[in-house]
Amino acid sequence: MDRHTTPHSKFQRHKEAAAERAGRKDATVGFAAICFAYFAIILDGSVLNVAIPSIRNSLNGSMAEAQWVLNGYTLALAALLLTGGVMGDRIGLRRSLLWGTAVFTLASAACAVAPTVELLIVARVVQGIGAAALLPATLALVPHLFTEPTERSRATIVWVATGGIAVAVGPLVGGLLIDALGWRSVFLINVPVGIISMALVLWRVTAPPPHVSRIDHAGQLAAAAALALLTAGLILGGSAGWSSPATIGLLLGGIAAGAGFWVVECHSTHPMLPPAFVKNQIRSTALASAALMGFLFYGTLFVMSLYFQDVRLWPAGQAGVALIPLTVGTCIGPLILYRPLANRFGHRVMLLAGFCCCLLGVLALGRAQPSTSYPTLAVGLFLVGIASTIAFSALTSLLLSNIADHQSGLASGAQNTTRQTGALIAVSILGSVLNAPDMAARVWPAFAVLAGANLVAILMSAAALRARQPAG
């Protein structure tokens, strides 16, 4: 026996190795729980876009009410995400994840049995409240589960891919469920997913101790008011007209509330979104990119779902099949292409490349008419799908690599807030553009709006290539 090796030291090494294996197992199972919860949120959004025509017909709803079915959820989610991130830091990320998942799951069941469009909208708002509590925790827990930088980077890409997979299966599964069982079934699929997620969290997830933090009530109120007023104004503009006093009043009120939010944040001792956090170009570019990517992807999904069902008069199942190129692209981006390309070119170049690829897809889809050949549309859908998760992987990696560990909840809440705000504004604006008896004639103006947003994203990400690395 080596004189430096004793039975005690061997036992100690075996004990440490066993503890390391157990820690890896806990991290893997805990990460699976996170991904299940995140999967449920993204699945809900992608499924519901296909279900909107069926819900509108079943409950005798208008286009504006259909927009609120989508936006009631997104509004609550976007308005409360930053507070959800702070609450996760305050009460503990594990507890926030559990409570959020429970509320989201119960609200999903309530959506499935809603007898009127008004009650469905209310249940959707409650869904958004639950999602706002759990979503920041899903990303904020990644740095605590995986402390080694390579593992953390890999887990971040898998987290993005989980959203891509949810988007991929959503329209197809949702369309088939609607054709077979009706639109209410698309809400019921969230129930088993939520239960599995909570079980895994209770079994394996341990979270760091909560931090002492305060909720910025004034900032929260101003943010919620700004988003609600802007959303209402954008939706009303499509039905009452953009020159209507009510439309103008709501939009001006939203702008004033947004300005008030920034003033509050600049003077608050405990701001929801500290101005210093977004004053460097890398972080601000990542957050703005999240908003634009949310606008582009969810706007494309919304327009093409209505196009296939209301213009081409395809049933929901066929529309779900037609959207497969879009959703398959969201899987290929993070799972196959992103890591090797990012290792070679870097996250900033990949952000610009993602938006350039997306513009090509938007321009191809802008040609959509009732008789446009499907292969042309499939190419456009595929390009938007693959570009969306390339850009999203890049902006997420840029953001997480440029923050301190104690800022993970803030960064997650801010990133998801801007992305959901982009989706919220997309449905509001594009729904108003499409709100006409002849929807076919409004498809190209809708994609003109998307192309304009895409050009802004390209210019912004190009400028970020020359930005300095933030100091802190």
Protein backbone atom coordinates (compact mmCIF):
# COMPACT_ATOMS: atom_id res chain seq x y z
CA MET A 1 0.00 0.00 0.00
CA ASP A 2 1.25 3.50 -0.90
CA ARG A 3 2.39 5.23 2.27
CA HIS A 4 0.39 8.29 1.22
CA THR A 5 -2.78 6.27 0.75
CA THR A 6 -4.79 5.26 3.78
CA PRO A 7 -8.14 3.48 4.08
CA HIS A 8 -9.54 6.71 5.44
CA SER A 9 -8.39 8.75 2.40
CA LYS A 10 -9.79 6.11 0.02
CA PHE A 11 -13.10 6.18 1.86
CA GLN A 12 -13.08 9.98 1.73
CA ARG A 13 -12.48 9.97 -2.04
CA HIS A 14 -15.26 7.45 -2.59
CA LYS A 15 -17.56 9.55 -0.43
CA GLU A 16 -16.72 12.72 -2.37
CA ALA A 17 -17.22 10.92 -5.71
CA ALA A 18 -20.60 9.62 -4.56
CA ALA A 19 -21.61 13.09 -3.42
CA GLU A 20 -20.54 14.52 -6.80
CA ARG A 21 -22.60 11.90 -8.66
CA ALA A 22 -25.60 12.61 -6.46
CA GLY A 23 -25.19 16.34 -7.05
CA ARG A 24 -25.08 15.82 -10.80
CA LYS A 25 -28.19 13.65 -10.64
CA ASP A 26 -30.04 16.25 -8.59
CA ALA A 27 -29.00 18.97 -11.04
CA THR A 28 -30.12 16.90 -14.04
CA VAL A 29 -33.52 16.00 -12.59
CA GLY A 30 -33.99 19.54 -11.26
CA PHE A 31 -33.19 20.95 -14.67
CA ALA A 32 -35.75 18.59 -16.20
CA ALA A 33 -38.36 20.01 -13.82
CA ILE A 34 -37.45 23.53 -14.90
CA CYS A 35 -37.72 22.57 -18.55
CA PHE A 36 -41.15 20.95 -18.02
CA ALA A 37 -42.48 24.18 -16.48
CA TYR A 38 -40.97 26.32 -19.22
CA PHE A 39 -42.30 23.90 -21.84
CA ALA A 40 -45.86 24.34 -20.54
CA ILE A 41 -45.73 28.14 -20.83
CA ILE A 42 -44.38 28.22 -24.38
CA LEU A 43 -46.64 25.34 -25.48
CA ASP A 44 -49.67 27.31 -24.33
CA GLY A 45 -48.83 30.26 -26.56
CA SER A 46 -48.03 28.25 -29.67
CA VAL A 47 -51.12 26.05 -29.32
CA LEU A 48 -53.50 28.95 -28.77
CA ASN A 49 -52.57 30.74 -31.98
CA VAL A 50 -54.02 27.81 -33.92
CA ALA A 51 -57.09 27.71 -31.66
CA ILE A 52 -58.13 31.37 -32.07
CA PRO A 53 -60.48 30.89 -35.07
CA SER A 54 -62.22 27.97 -33.34
CA ILE A 55 -62.60 29.89 -30.08
CA ARG A 56 -63.94 32.93 -31.93
CA ASN A 57 -66.54 30.85 -33.76
CA SER A 58 -67.51 28.72 -30.76
CA LEU A 59 -68.03 31.63 -28.35
CA ASN A 60 -69.26 34.10 -31.00
CA GLY A 61 -66.38 36.44 -30.32
CA SER A 62 -65.06 39.34 -32.39
CA MET A 63 -61.49 39.81 -33.65
CA ALA A 64 -60.86 42.24 -30.78
CA GLU A 65 -62.07 39.67 -28.24
CA ALA A 66 -59.90 37.02 -29.89
CA GLN A 67 -56.93 39.36 -29.52
CA TRP A 68 -57.73 39.74 -25.81
CA VAL A 69 -57.81 35.96 -25.39
CA LEU A 70 -54.18 35.98 -26.51
CA ASN A 71 -53.21 39.30 -24.94
CA GLY A 72 -54.95 38.87 -21.57
CA TYR A 73 -52.37 36.19 -20.79
CA THR A 74 -49.43 37.99 -22.38
CA LEU A 75 -50.30 41.31 -20.74
CA ALA A 76 -50.36 39.84 -17.23
CA LEU A 77 -47.17 37.91 -17.95
CA ALA A 78 -45.25 40.86 -19.38
CA ALA A 79 -46.46 43.32 -16.72
CA LEU A 80 -45.58 41.06 -13.79
CA LEU A 81 -42.41 39.33 -14.96
CA LEU A 82 -40.00 41.79 -13.36
CA THR A 83 -41.92 41.57 -10.09
CA GLY A 84 -41.90 37.79 -10.50
CA GLY A 85 -38.11 37.90 -10.73
CA VAL A 86 -37.88 40.02 -7.59
CA MET A 87 -40.34 37.75 -5.77
CA GLY A 88 -38.23 34.75 -6.72
CA ASP A 89 -35.21 36.38 -5.13
CA ARG A 90 -37.29 37.38 -2.09
CA ILE A 91 -39.26 34.21 -1.26
CA GLY A 92 -36.90 31.74 -2.93
CA LEU A 93 -36.72 30.56 -6.54
CA ARG A 94 -37.98 27.06 -5.72
CA ARG A 95 -41.07 28.36 -3.94
CA SER A 96 -41.76 30.85 -6.72
CA LEU A 97 -41.49 28.08 -9.30
CA LEU A 98 -43.90 25.83 -7.37
CA TRP A 99 -46.53 28.50 -6.70
CA GLY A 100 -46.37 29.81 -10.25
CA THR A 101 -46.75 26.35 -11.76
CA ALA A 102 -49.70 25.54 -9.49
CA VAL A 103 -51.55 28.76 -10.42
CA PHE A 104 -50.81 28.29 -14.12
CA THR A 105 -52.04 24.70 -14.06
CA LEU A 106 -55.28 25.49 -12.21
CA ALA A 107 -55.98 28.45 -14.51
CA SER A 108 -55.45 26.20 -17.53
CA ALA A 109 -58.17 23.91 -16.23
CA ALA A 110 -60.43 26.95 -15.74
CA CYS A 111 -59.81 28.01 -19.35
CA ALA A 112 -60.91 24.59 -20.53
CA VAL A 113 -64.37 24.94 -18.93
CA ALA A 114 -64.95 28.69 -19.53
CA PRO A 115 -68.54 29.14 -20.84
CA THR A 116 -68.07 32.67 -22.28
CA VAL A 117 -65.30 34.61 -23.96
CA GLU A 118 -65.25 37.09 -21.04
CA LEU A 119 -64.59 34.35 -18.48
CA LEU A 120 -62.01 32.81 -20.78
CA ILE A 121 -60.15 36.13 -20.89
CA VAL A 122 -60.24 36.34 -17.07
CA ALA A 123 -58.85 32.80 -16.77
CA ARG A 124 -56.15 33.69 -19.27
CA VAL A 125 -55.13 36.67 -17.12
CA VAL A 126 -54.78 34.32 -14.12
CA GLN A 127 -52.69 32.01 -16.29
CA GLY A 128 -50.41 34.94 -17.02
CA ILE A 129 -50.05 35.72 -13.31
CA GLY A 130 -48.91 32.16 -12.62
CA ALA A 131 -46.54 32.18 -15.57
CA ALA A 132 -45.01 35.47 -14.35
CA ALA A 133 -44.08 33.79 -11.06
CA LEU A 134 -42.57 30.65 -12.55
CA LEU A 135 -40.90 31.86 -15.75
CA PRO A 136 -38.09 33.99 -14.21
CA ALA A 137 -37.28 31.13 -11.84
CA THR A 138 -36.76 28.67 -14.69
CA LEU A 139 -33.84 30.64 -16.11
CA ALA A 140 -32.59 32.09 -12.81
CA LEU A 141 -32.11 28.58 -11.34
CA VAL A 142 -29.76 27.50 -14.16
CA PRO A 143 -26.64 29.26 -12.74
CA HIS A 144 -27.32 27.68 -9.34
CA LEU A 145 -27.82 24.16 -10.70
CA PHE A 146 -24.77 24.36 -12.98
CA THR A 147 -21.85 26.32 -11.54
CA GLU A 148 -19.26 25.28 -14.15
CA PRO A 149 -19.31 27.74 -17.12
CA THR A 150 -19.39 25.07 -19.85
CA GLU A 151 -22.25 23.19 -18.20
CA ARG A 152 -24.09 26.45 -17.60
CA SER A 153 -23.73 27.45 -21.26
CA ARG A 154 -24.93 24.03 -22.39
CA ALA A 155 -27.93 24.19 -20.04
CA THR A 156 -28.83 27.66 -21.31
CA ILE A 157 -28.95 26.39 -24.90
CA VAL A 158 -31.06 23.40 -23.81
CA TRP A 159 -33.42 25.82 -22.04
CA VAL A 160 -33.81 27.77 -25.28
CA ALA A 161 -34.27 24.49 -27.21
CA THR A 162 -37.02 23.46 -24.79
CA GLY A 163 -38.97 26.53 -25.83
CA GLY A 164 -38.25 25.69 -29.46
CA ILE A 165 -39.57 22.16 -29.04
CA ALA A 166 -42.72 23.47 -27.32
CA VAL A 167 -43.28 25.85 -30.22
CA ALA A 168 -42.59 23.00 -32.65
CA VAL A 169 -45.16 20.57 -31.29
CA GLY A 170 -47.72 23.21 -30.30
CA PRO A 171 -49.43 24.05 -33.61
CA LEU A 172 -49.45 20.45 -34.86
CA VAL A 173 -50.68 18.87 -31.63
CA GLY A 174 -53.08 21.76 -31.04
CA GLY A 175 -54.53 21.53 -34.53
CA LEU A 176 -55.07 17.79 -34.27
CA LEU A 177 -56.62 18.12 -30.80
CA ILE A 178 -58.98 20.87 -32.00
CA ASP A 179 -60.15 18.80 -34.97
CA ALA A 180 -60.65 15.71 -32.78
CA LEU A 181 -61.80 17.07 -29.40
CA GLY A 182 -62.42 20.82 -29.77
CA TRP A 183 -60.50 23.88 -28.63
CA ARG A 184 -60.98 23.24 -24.91
CA SER A 185 -58.62 20.27 -25.11
CA VAL A 186 -55.65 22.54 -25.85
CA PHE A 187 -55.83 23.94 -22.32
CA LEU A 188 -56.15 20.55 -20.68
CA ILE A 189 -52.75 19.40 -22.00
CA ASN A 190 -51.13 21.89 -19.58
CA VAL A 191 -52.50 20.04 -16.57
CA PRO A 192 -50.38 16.83 -16.70
CA VAL A 193 -47.29 18.82 -17.72
CA GLY A 194 -47.74 21.11 -14.71
CA ILE A 195 -48.27 18.21 -12.30
CA ILE A 196 -45.12 16.42 -13.53
CA SER A 197 -43.09 19.60 -13.19
CA MET A 198 -44.22 20.24 -9.60
CA ALA A 199 -43.51 16.63 -8.62
CA LEU A 200 -39.94 16.83 -9.96
CA VAL A 201 -39.33 20.19 -8.28
CA LEU A 202 -40.48 18.83 -4.92
CA TRP A 203 -38.33 15.74 -5.39
CA ARG A 204 -35.01 17.13 -6.54
CA VAL A 205 -34.75 20.91 -6.79
CA THR A 206 -32.97 22.77 -4.03
CA ALA A 207 -32.59 26.51 -4.37
CA PRO A 208 -30.24 29.08 -2.86
CA PRO A 209 -31.53 31.04 0.14
CA PRO A 210 -33.73 34.03 -0.71
CA HIS A 211 -32.27 37.52 -0.82
CA VAL A 212 -33.68 40.45 1.11
CA SER A 213 -35.41 42.59 -1.51
CA ARG A 214 -38.27 45.04 -1.77
CA ILE A 215 -41.00 45.26 -4.36
CA ASP A 216 -41.17 48.46 -6.36
CA HIS A 217 -44.94 49.02 -6.10
CA ALA A 218 -44.94 52.35 -7.96
CA GLY A 219 -42.85 50.94 -10.80
CA GLN A 220 -45.04 47.86 -11.00
CA LEU A 221 -48.21 49.98 -11.23
CA ALA A 222 -46.70 52.25 -13.91
CA ALA A 223 -45.45 49.29 -15.98
CA ALA A 224 -48.81 47.49 -15.85
CA ALA A 225 -50.69 50.69 -16.73
CA ALA A 226 -48.39 51.42 -19.68
CA LEU A 227 -48.75 47.94 -21.16
CA ALA A 228 -52.52 47.75 -20.57
CA LEU A 229 -53.23 51.18 -22.08
CA LEU A 230 -51.00 50.62 -25.10
CA THR A 231 -52.51 47.18 -25.73
CA ALA A 232 -56.07 48.49 -25.45
CA GLY A 233 -55.27 51.40 -27.75
CA LEU A 234 -53.64 49.21 -30.40
CA ILE A 235 -56.52 46.72 -30.39
CA LEU A 236 -59.17 49.46 -30.41
CA GLY A 237 -57.43 51.14 -33.34
CA GLY A 238 -58.27 48.16 -35.54
CA SER A 239 -62.00 48.39 -34.86
CA ALA A 240 -62.79 52.01 -33.89
CA GLY A 241 -60.14 53.60 -36.12
CA TRP A 242 -56.77 55.18 -35.41
CA SER A 243 -58.23 58.70 -35.36
CA SER A 244 -60.84 57.78 -32.75
CA PRO A 245 -60.52 59.93 -29.58
CA ALA A 246 -60.65 56.77 -27.46
CA THR A 247 -57.80 55.17 -29.42
CA ILE A 248 -55.66 58.32 -29.24
CA GLY A 249 -56.42 58.76 -25.55
CA LEU A 250 -55.42 55.19 -24.69
CA LEU A 251 -52.19 55.38 -26.68
CA LEU A 252 -51.20 58.73 -25.18
CA GLY A 253 -52.04 57.40 -21.73
CA GLY A 254 -49.81 54.37 -22.35
CA ILE A 255 -46.92 56.57 -23.48
CA ALA A 256 -47.34 58.80 -20.42
CA ALA A 257 -47.41 55.76 -18.11
CA GLY A 258 -44.27 54.41 -19.78
CA ALA A 259 -42.49 57.72 -19.22
CA GLY A 260 -43.72 57.66 -15.62
CA PHE A 261 -42.25 54.16 -15.18
CA TRP A 262 -38.81 55.36 -16.25
CA VAL A 263 -38.98 58.40 -13.94
CA VAL A 264 -39.98 56.15 -11.03
CA GLU A 265 -37.13 53.73 -11.75
CA CYS A 266 -34.58 56.55 -11.89
CA HIS A 267 -35.63 57.84 -8.44
CA SER A 268 -36.58 54.62 -6.63
CA THR A 269 -34.27 53.19 -3.99
CA HIS A 270 -35.33 49.66 -5.00
CA PRO A 271 -36.23 49.85 -8.72
CA MET A 272 -37.73 46.92 -10.64
CA LEU A 273 -35.33 47.61 -13.48
CA PRO A 274 -32.29 49.53 -12.22
CA PRO A 275 -31.24 52.10 -14.86
CA ALA A 276 -27.59 51.07 -14.38
CA PHE A 277 -28.46 47.54 -15.50
CA VAL A 278 -29.45 48.70 -18.99
CA LYS A 279 -27.00 51.56 -19.47
CA ASN A 280 -24.34 49.41 -21.11
CA GLN A 281 -24.86 48.53 -24.76
CA ILE A 282 -24.52 44.75 -24.51
CA ARG A 283 -27.30 44.32 -21.96
CA SER A 284 -29.58 46.89 -23.58
CA THR A 285 -29.05 45.24 -26.98
CA ALA A 286 -29.86 41.81 -25.56
CA LEU A 287 -33.09 43.07 -23.98
CA ALA A 288 -34.19 45.06 -27.04
CA SER A 289 -33.39 42.04 -29.22
CA ALA A 290 -35.63 39.90 -27.05
CA ALA A 291 -38.50 42.33 -27.63
CA LEU A 292 -37.95 42.43 -31.39
CA MET A 293 -37.56 38.66 -31.63
CA GLY A 294 -40.79 38.19 -29.68
CA PHE A 295 -42.50 40.63 -32.06
CA LEU A 296 -41.16 38.88 -35.17
CA PHE A 297 -41.70 35.26 -34.20
CA TYR A 298 -45.06 35.50 -32.47
CA GLY A 299 -46.25 38.02 -35.04
CA THR A 300 -45.42 35.58 -37.84
CA LEU A 301 -47.11 32.71 -36.00
CA PHE A 302 -50.23 34.82 -35.40
CA VAL A 303 -50.54 36.07 -38.98
CA MET A 304 -49.87 32.71 -40.63
CA SER A 305 -52.27 30.85 -38.31
CA LEU A 306 -55.07 33.22 -39.35
CA TYR A 307 -53.94 33.14 -42.99
CA PHE A 308 -54.16 29.37 -43.28
CA GLN A 309 -57.54 29.14 -41.52
CA ASP A 310 -59.34 32.37 -42.51
CA VAL A 311 -57.85 33.06 -45.95
CA ARG A 312 -57.21 29.56 -47.28
CA LEU A 313 -60.04 28.08 -45.16
CA TRP A 314 -57.99 25.11 -43.96
CA PRO A 315 -59.09 23.26 -40.79
CA ALA A 316 -57.03 23.65 -37.63
CA GLY A 317 -55.26 20.31 -38.07
CA GLN A 318 -54.15 21.15 -41.61
CA ALA A 319 -53.02 24.61 -40.47
CA GLY A 320 -50.95 22.97 -37.73
CA VAL A 321 -49.28 20.73 -40.31
CA ALA A 322 -48.64 23.74 -42.57
CA LEU A 323 -46.81 25.51 -39.72
CA ILE A 324 -44.36 22.61 -39.20
CA PRO A 325 -41.51 24.31 -41.15
CA LEU A 326 -41.70 27.26 -38.73
CA THR A 327 -41.71 25.07 -35.67
CA VAL A 328 -39.10 22.59 -36.89
CA GLY A 329 -36.77 25.51 -37.55
CA THR A 330 -37.03 26.54 -33.89
CA CYS A 331 -35.57 23.14 -32.91
CA ILE A 332 -32.76 23.01 -35.47
CA GLY A 333 -31.41 26.42 -34.47
CA PRO A 334 -30.41 25.73 -30.82
CA LEU A 335 -30.06 21.95 -30.94
CA ILE A 336 -27.88 21.56 -34.05
CA LEU A 337 -26.52 24.84 -35.40
CA TYR A 338 -26.00 27.34 -32.63
CA ARG A 339 -23.21 25.96 -30.45
CA PRO A 340 -20.67 25.13 -33.19
CA LEU A 341 -21.37 28.39 -35.02
CA ALA A 342 -21.22 30.48 -31.83
CA ASN A 343 -17.94 28.84 -30.82
CA ARG A 344 -16.47 29.95 -34.14
CA PHE A 345 -18.04 33.37 -34.69
CA GLY A 346 -19.25 34.50 -31.25
CA HIS A 347 -22.65 35.41 -29.84
CA ARG A 348 -22.79 38.93 -31.29
CA VAL A 349 -22.23 37.77 -34.88
CA MET A 350 -24.86 35.07 -34.40
CA LEU A 351 -27.36 37.67 -33.18
CA LEU A 352 -26.89 39.68 -36.37
CA ALA A 353 -26.98 36.55 -38.54
CA GLY A 354 -30.24 35.44 -36.90
CA PHE A 355 -32.00 38.70 -37.68
CA CYS A 356 -30.68 38.74 -41.27
CA CYS A 357 -31.99 35.21 -41.81
CA CYS A 358 -35.33 36.22 -40.30
CA LEU A 359 -35.68 39.11 -42.76
CA LEU A 360 -35.33 36.72 -45.69
CA GLY A 361 -38.15 34.61 -44.23
CA VAL A 362 -40.41 37.61 -43.62
CA LEU A 363 -39.92 38.83 -47.20
CA ALA A 364 -40.81 35.39 -48.57
CA LEU A 365 -43.98 35.24 -46.45
CA GLY A 366 -44.95 38.76 -47.52
CA ARG A 367 -45.88 37.27 -50.89
CA ALA A 368 -48.69 35.19 -49.31
CA GLN A 369 -51.92 35.33 -51.29
CA PRO A 370 -54.83 32.83 -51.42
CA SER A 371 -53.19 31.03 -54.36
CA THR A 372 -49.52 31.28 -53.32
CA SER A 373 -47.75 27.93 -53.63
CA TYR A 374 -47.15 26.29 -50.28
CA PRO A 375 -43.41 25.53 -50.90
CA THR A 376 -42.74 29.28 -51.11
CA LEU A 377 -44.46 29.78 -47.76
CA ALA A 378 -42.69 26.77 -46.26
CA VAL A 379 -39.29 28.27 -47.07
CA GLY A 380 -40.26 31.54 -45.42
CA LEU A 381 -41.63 29.77 -42.35
CA PHE A 382 -38.48 27.67 -42.00
CA LEU A 383 -36.18 30.69 -42.23
CA VAL A 384 -38.13 32.62 -39.57
CA GLY A 385 -38.22 29.56 -37.31
CA ILE A 386 -34.52 28.77 -37.49
CA ALA A 387 -33.56 32.45 -37.21
CA SER A 388 -35.71 33.08 -34.14
CA THR A 389 -33.95 30.59 -31.88
CA ILE A 390 -30.50 31.45 -33.24
CA ALA A 391 -31.11 35.08 -32.30
CA PHE A 392 -32.73 34.09 -29.00
CA SER A 393 -29.83 31.78 -28.09
CA ALA A 394 -27.40 34.59 -28.87
CA LEU A 395 -29.17 37.28 -26.85
CA THR A 396 -29.71 34.94 -23.89
CA SER A 397 -26.05 33.89 -23.88
CA LEU A 398 -24.92 37.52 -24.17
CA LEU A 399 -27.10 38.56 -21.26
CA LEU A 400 -26.19 35.71 -18.89
CA SER A 401 -22.47 36.03 -19.62
CA ASN A 402 -22.49 39.71 -18.68
CA ILE A 403 -24.16 39.68 -15.27
CA ALA A 404 -23.18 38.82 -11.72
CA ASP A 405 -24.72 35.72 -10.14
CA HIS A 406 -26.91 37.80 -7.81
CA GLN A 407 -28.49 39.46 -10.88
CA SER A 408 -29.79 36.22 -12.41
CA GLY A 409 -33.38 36.79 -11.28
CA LEU A 410 -33.35 40.37 -12.54
CA ALA A 411 -31.81 39.37 -15.88
CA SER A 412 -34.29 36.53 -16.40
CA GLY A 413 -37.25 38.73 -15.54
CA ALA A 414 -36.05 41.57 -17.77
CA GLN A 415 -35.32 39.32 -20.74
CA ASN A 416 -38.64 37.52 -20.57
CA THR A 417 -40.52 40.78 -19.97
CA THR A 418 -39.16 42.35 -23.13
CA ARG A 419 -39.82 39.20 -25.17
CA GLN A 420 -43.41 38.91 -23.97
CA THR A 421 -43.93 42.64 -24.48
CA GLY A 422 -42.83 42.18 -28.09
CA ALA A 423 -45.33 39.35 -28.54
CA LEU A 424 -48.06 41.43 -26.88
CA ILE A 425 -47.50 44.40 -29.18
CA ALA A 426 -47.26 42.13 -32.24
CA VAL A 427 -50.69 40.59 -31.67
CA SER A 428 -52.17 44.02 -30.90
CA ILE A 429 -50.79 45.74 -34.00
CA LEU A 430 -51.05 42.87 -36.47
CA GLY A 431 -54.53 41.90 -35.28
CA SER A 432 -55.63 45.46 -35.96
CA VAL A 433 -54.05 45.37 -39.43
CA LEU A 434 -55.83 42.10 -40.24
CA ASN A 435 -59.18 43.21 -38.79
CA ALA A 436 -60.99 43.65 -42.13
CA PRO A 437 -63.65 41.78 -44.15
CA ASP A 438 -61.03 40.96 -46.81
CA MET A 439 -58.20 39.58 -44.69
CA ALA A 440 -56.29 38.38 -47.76
CA ALA A 441 -55.58 41.97 -48.81
CA ARG A 442 -54.16 42.76 -45.36
CA VAL A 443 -51.55 39.99 -45.22
CA TRP A 444 -48.82 41.89 -47.08
CA PRO A 445 -49.24 45.07 -44.97
CA ALA A 446 -48.87 42.88 -41.87
CA PHE A 447 -45.59 41.50 -43.17
CA ALA A 448 -44.47 45.00 -44.14
CA VAL A 449 -44.78 45.89 -40.43
CA LEU A 450 -42.74 42.79 -39.53
CA ALA A 451 -40.08 43.66 -42.12
CA GLY A 452 -39.75 47.17 -40.66
CA ALA A 453 -39.21 45.76 -37.17
CA ASN A 454 -36.67 43.30 -38.61
CA LEU A 455 -34.64 46.10 -40.18
CA VAL A 456 -34.47 47.89 -36.82
CA ALA A 457 -33.21 44.66 -35.23
CA ILE A 458 -30.49 44.25 -37.88
CA LEU A 459 -29.23 47.81 -37.42
CA MET A 460 -29.21 47.46 -33.64
CA SER A 461 -27.37 44.10 -33.61
CA ALA A 462 -24.85 45.42 -36.16
CA ALA A 463 -24.09 48.33 -33.83
CA ALA A 464 -23.61 45.86 -30.95
CA LEU A 465 -20.68 44.26 -32.79
CA ARG A 466 -18.61 47.35 -31.97
CA ALA A 467 -19.81 47.71 -28.38
CA ARG A 468 -17.38 47.35 -25.50
CA GLN A 469 -17.75 44.58 -22.97
CA PRO A 470 -19.59 45.92 -19.86
CA ALA A 471 -17.59 46.31 -16.72
CA GLY A 472 -20.31 45.09 -14.37
